[in-house]
Amino acid sequence: MTDLACAEDPEPSERFPAGPLYVPVRPGPAGCSTRLFRTPLGTRTAVGFTSRDRLTATLGDGQVWIRLAEPVLRALTEPLGVTTVTVDPQFSAPLPRPAPRAWDPRTAVPRASGAATRAVRPVRIV
């Protein structure tokens, strides 16, 4: 068995993507802002994709994006306390939606009987 030299490490501990990343953003009145995500452990992270196809496959066709180099993305998110950049995540959870309101019999409005559901004629006051 041969020992691998450090320069021959098949998977370096830090990977640096070649070229600018496709970074998901949210458009707003003052311009675009970088979308931040959470890792499975809950840590906030900036996300970049190495190709537009990978971004679209993960976040959908409607996701707005800009091209940024990885050091620039780090510099933009570091003041927010985000120190991690995730490149090419494989999946994302859907956006949270408000929970449907539970039916409460105390606040439910009873249905009116047939007589009350007839059309009411407008009254003209002279």
Protein backbone atom coordinates (compact mmCIF):
# COMPACT_ATOMS: atom_id res chain seq x y z
CA MET A 1 0.00 0.00 0.00
CA THR A 2 1.38 3.42 -0.92
CA ASP A 3 0.97 6.55 1.12
CA LEU A 4 -0.49 9.55 -0.66
CA ALA A 5 1.44 12.78 -0.47
CA CYS A 6 -0.52 15.87 0.54
CA ALA A 7 -0.33 17.25 -3.00
CA GLU A 8 -1.92 14.06 -4.31
CA ASP A 9 -4.98 14.18 -2.03
CA PRO A 10 -7.89 12.97 -4.21
CA GLU A 11 -10.38 15.13 -2.30
CA PRO A 12 -8.91 18.34 -0.92
CA SER A 13 -10.49 19.63 2.28
CA GLU A 14 -11.43 22.94 0.65
CA ARG A 15 -12.79 23.06 -2.85
CA PHE A 16 -12.67 26.26 -4.84
CA PRO A 17 -14.96 26.40 -7.85
CA ALA A 18 -13.55 27.57 -11.13
CA GLY A 19 -15.10 30.84 -12.26
CA PRO A 20 -18.08 32.82 -11.03
CA LEU A 21 -21.01 31.12 -9.32
CA TYR A 22 -24.72 31.41 -10.10
CA VAL A 23 -26.03 32.92 -6.86
CA PRO A 24 -29.78 32.98 -6.06
CA VAL A 25 -31.06 36.45 -5.18
CA ARG A 26 -34.29 38.23 -4.29
CA PRO A 27 -35.10 41.38 -6.24
CA GLY A 28 -36.19 44.33 -4.13
CA PRO A 29 -36.75 48.07 -4.32
CA ALA A 30 -33.07 48.83 -3.59
CA GLY A 31 -31.70 46.12 -5.91
CA CYS A 32 -30.99 42.43 -5.41
CA SER A 33 -30.17 40.75 -2.12
CA THR A 34 -28.48 37.40 -1.73
CA ARG A 35 -30.76 34.58 -0.61
CA LEU A 36 -29.45 32.82 2.46
CA PHE A 37 -30.30 29.22 3.28
CA ARG A 38 -29.88 26.87 6.23
CA THR A 39 -27.88 23.68 6.36
CA PRO A 40 -29.57 20.51 7.70
CA LEU A 41 -28.08 21.40 11.10
CA GLY A 42 -29.60 24.91 11.00
CA THR A 43 -26.48 26.96 10.25
CA ARG A 44 -27.03 29.88 7.87
CA THR A 45 -25.17 29.57 4.58
CA ALA A 46 -24.79 31.41 1.30
CA VAL A 47 -25.36 29.23 -1.76
CA GLY A 48 -23.78 29.25 -5.20
CA PHE A 49 -24.09 26.94 -8.19
CA THR A 50 -21.44 26.12 -10.77
CA SER A 51 -23.99 26.04 -13.60
CA ARG A 52 -27.35 27.54 -14.38
CA ASP A 53 -28.73 24.03 -14.97
CA ARG A 54 -27.83 23.00 -11.40
CA LEU A 55 -29.47 26.12 -9.98
CA THR A 56 -32.64 25.50 -12.00
CA ALA A 57 -32.74 21.80 -11.06
CA THR A 58 -32.55 22.65 -7.36
CA LEU A 59 -34.53 25.91 -7.03
CA GLY A 60 -36.75 25.94 -10.14
CA ASP A 61 -37.02 28.00 -13.31
CA GLY A 62 -38.38 31.10 -11.57
CA GLN A 63 -35.35 31.68 -9.34
CA VAL A 64 -33.57 34.96 -10.08
CA TRP A 65 -29.77 34.77 -9.99
CA ILE A 66 -26.61 36.81 -10.51
CA ARG A 67 -23.02 35.80 -11.21
CA LEU A 68 -20.57 36.34 -8.35
CA ALA A 69 -17.12 35.01 -7.58
CA GLU A 70 -16.91 32.96 -4.39
CA PRO A 71 -14.71 35.52 -2.53
CA VAL A 72 -17.21 38.28 -3.35
CA LEU A 73 -20.11 36.16 -2.09
CA ARG A 74 -18.20 35.57 1.16
CA ALA A 75 -17.47 39.29 1.49
CA LEU A 76 -21.16 40.15 1.01
CA THR A 77 -22.45 37.69 3.58
CA GLU A 78 -19.72 37.91 6.22
CA PRO A 79 -21.09 41.16 7.79
CA LEU A 80 -24.35 39.26 8.32
CA GLY A 81 -22.56 36.59 10.33
CA VAL A 82 -22.70 34.03 7.50
CA THR A 83 -19.29 32.45 7.10
CA THR A 84 -20.22 29.33 5.12
CA VAL A 85 -20.68 29.09 1.36
CA THR A 86 -22.32 25.93 0.05
CA VAL A 87 -21.57 25.11 -3.58
CA ASP A 88 -23.99 22.99 -5.62
CA PRO A 89 -26.38 21.79 -2.90
CA GLN A 90 -28.35 18.77 -4.09
CA PHE A 91 -31.79 19.72 -2.77
CA SER A 92 -33.72 22.43 -0.98
CA ALA A 93 -36.86 22.38 1.11
CA PRO A 94 -39.88 24.27 -0.21
CA LEU A 95 -40.59 27.72 1.18
CA PRO A 96 -42.65 27.63 4.36
CA ARG A 97 -46.32 28.45 3.93
CA PRO A 98 -48.68 29.69 6.61
CA ALA A 99 -50.41 26.85 8.41
CA PRO A 100 -54.11 26.53 7.53
CA ARG A 101 -56.38 27.87 10.21
CA ALA A 102 -58.03 25.18 12.23
CA TRP A 103 -61.83 25.13 12.17
CA ASP A 104 -63.17 26.50 15.43
CA PRO A 105 -66.87 25.79 16.12
CA ARG A 106 -67.06 28.82 18.44
CA THR A 107 -66.20 31.25 15.64
CA ALA A 108 -67.88 29.45 12.73
CA VAL A 109 -70.76 31.31 11.13
CA PRO A 110 -73.88 29.15 10.82
CA ARG A 111 -75.42 28.82 7.36
CA ALA A 112 -78.63 30.69 6.85
CA SER A 113 -81.88 28.94 5.97
CA GLY A 114 -83.44 29.17 2.50
CA ALA A 115 -85.55 32.25 3.29
CA ALA A 116 -82.55 34.29 4.34
CA THR A 117 -80.49 33.36 1.29
CA ARG A 118 -82.90 34.86 -1.26
CA ALA A 119 -81.84 38.00 -3.08
CA VAL A 120 -82.72 41.20 -1.28
CA ARG A 121 -84.13 44.06 -3.31
CA PRO A 122 -82.51 47.44 -2.84
CA VAL A 123 -84.68 49.92 -0.96
CA ARG A 124 -85.07 53.40 -2.34
CA ILE A 125 -85.56 56.13 0.24
CA VAL A 126 -87.37 59.24 -1.01
